[in-house]
């Protein structure tokens, strides 16, 4: 489902952002 992909992308971006922040 497109929604599932969107959620995974958002989680991926947030995780990457958190990694860069740390």
PDB file of N, CA and C in Angstrom:
ATOM      1  N   UNK A   1       0.850  -1.214   0.000  1.00  0.00           N
ATOM      2  CA  UNK A   1       0.000   0.000   0.000  1.00  0.00           C
ATOM      3  C   UNK A   1       0.878   1.253   0.000  1.00  0.00           C
ATOM      4  N   UNK A   2       0.388   2.291  -0.671  1.00  0.00           N
ATOM      5  CA  UNK A   2       1.150   3.542  -0.739  1.00  0.00           C
ATOM      6  C   UNK A   2       1.336   4.120   0.670  1.00  0.00           C
ATOM      7  N   UNK A   3       0.299   4.024   1.495  1.00  0.00           N
ATOM      8  CA  UNK A   3       0.389   4.571   2.852  1.00  0.00           C
ATOM      9  C   UNK A   3       1.520   3.900   3.617  1.00  0.00           C
ATOM     10  N   UNK A   4       1.626   2.582   3.477  1.00  0.00           N
ATOM     11  CA  UNK A   4       2.679   1.839   4.177  1.00  0.00           C
ATOM     12  C   UNK A   4       4.054   2.323   3.737  1.00  0.00           C
ATOM     13  N   UNK A   5       4.211   2.555   2.439  1.00  0.00           N
ATOM     14  CA  UNK A   5       5.497   3.038   1.919  1.00  0.00           C
ATOM     15  C   UNK A   5       5.788   4.432   2.477  1.00  0.00           C
ATOM     16  N   UNK A   6       4.777   5.280   2.505  1.00  0.00           N
ATOM     17  CA  UNK A   6       4.956   6.638   3.018  1.00  0.00           C
ATOM     18  C   UNK A   6       5.415   6.599   4.465  1.00  0.00           C
ATOM     19  N   UNK A   7       4.780   5.737   5.256  1.00  0.00           N
ATOM     20  CA  UNK A   7       5.146   5.619   6.677  1.00  0.00           C
ATOM     21  C   UNK A   7       6.601   5.177   6.804  1.00  0.00           C
ATOM     22  N   UNK A   8       6.996   4.194   6.006  1.00  0.00           N
ATOM     23  CA  UNK A   8       8.383   3.703   6.076  1.00  0.00           C
ATOM     24  C   UNK A   8       9.358   4.799   5.678  1.00  0.00           C
ATOM     25  N   UNK A   9       9.006   5.576   4.664  1.00  0.00           N
ATOM     26  CA  UNK A   9       9.878   6.670   4.223  1.00  0.00           C
ATOM     27  C   UNK A   9      10.012   7.717   5.323  1.00  0.00           C
ATOM     28  N   UNK A  10       8.899   8.065   5.945  1.00  0.00           N
ATOM     29  CA  UNK A  10       8.924   9.072   7.017  1.00  0.00           C
ATOM     30  C   UNK A  10       9.795   8.577   8.167  1.00  0.00           C
ATOM     31  N   UNK A  11       9.600   7.326   8.562  1.00  0.00           N
ATOM     32  CA  UNK A  11      10.395   6.764   9.665  1.00  0.00           C
ATOM     33  C   UNK A  11      11.876   6.775   9.285  1.00  0.00           C
ATOM     34  N   UNK A  12      12.175   6.429   8.022  1.00  0.00           N
ATOM     35  CA  UNK A  12      13.567   6.410   7.560  1.00  0.00           C
ATOM     36  C   UNK A  12      14.178   7.807   7.644  1.00  0.00           C
ATOM     37  N   UNK A  13      13.447   8.804   7.169  1.00  0.00           N
ATOM     38  CA  UNK A  13      13.952  10.182   7.185  1.00  0.00           C
ATOM     39  C   UNK A  13      14.156  10.657   8.621  1.00  0.00           C
ATOM     40  N   UNK A  14      13.195  10.372   9.484  1.00  0.00           N
ATOM     41  CA  UNK A  14      13.303  10.790  10.887  1.00  0.00           C
ATOM     42  C   UNK A  14      14.510  10.120  11.537  1.00  0.00           C
ATOM     43  N   UNK A  15      14.712   8.846  11.250  1.00  0.00           N
ATOM     44  CA  UNK A  15      15.852   8.123  11.829  1.00  0.00           C
ATOM     45  C   UNK A  15      17.159   8.724  11.335  1.00  0.00           C
ATOM     46  N   UNK A  16      17.234   9.021  10.046  1.00  0.00           N
ATOM     47  CA  UNK A  16      18.446   9.622   9.495  1.00  0.00           C
ATOM     48  C   UNK A  16      18.691  10.985  10.131  1.00  0.00           C
ATOM     49  N   UNK A  17      17.638  11.784  10.268  1.00  0.00           N
ATOM     50  CA  UNK A  17      17.757  13.113  10.855  1.00  0.00           C
ATOM     51  C   UNK A  17      18.253  12.994  12.294  1.00  0.00           C
ATOM     52  N   UNK A  18      17.732  12.007  13.023  1.00  0.00           N
ATOM     53  CA  UNK A  18      18.138  11.798  14.408  1.00  0.00           C
ATOM     54  C   UNK A  18      19.615  11.411  14.454  1.00  0.00           C
ATOM     55  N   UNK A  19      20.039  10.583  13.504  1.00  0.00           N
ATOM     56  CA  UNK A  19      21.441  10.165  13.453  1.00  0.00           C
ATOM     57  C   UNK A  19      22.338  11.377  13.199  1.00  0.00           C
ATOM     58  N   UNK A  20      21.938  12.236  12.271  1.00  0.00           N
ATOM     59  CA  UNK A  20      22.739  13.411  11.954  1.00  0.00           C
ATOM     60  C   UNK A  20      22.760  14.374  13.139  1.00  0.00           C
ATOM     61  N   UNK A  21      21.655  14.471  13.842  1.00  0.00           N
ATOM     62  CA  UNK A  21      21.567  15.370  14.991  1.00  0.00           C
ATOM     63  C   UNK A  21      22.534  14.900  16.081  1.00  0.00           C
ATOM     64  N   UNK A  22      22.609  13.595  16.258  1.00  0.00           N
ATOM     65  CA  UNK A  22      23.505  13.054  17.285  1.00  0.00           C
ATOM     66  C   UNK A  22      24.939  13.081  16.751  1.00  0.00           C
TER      67      UNK A  22
END
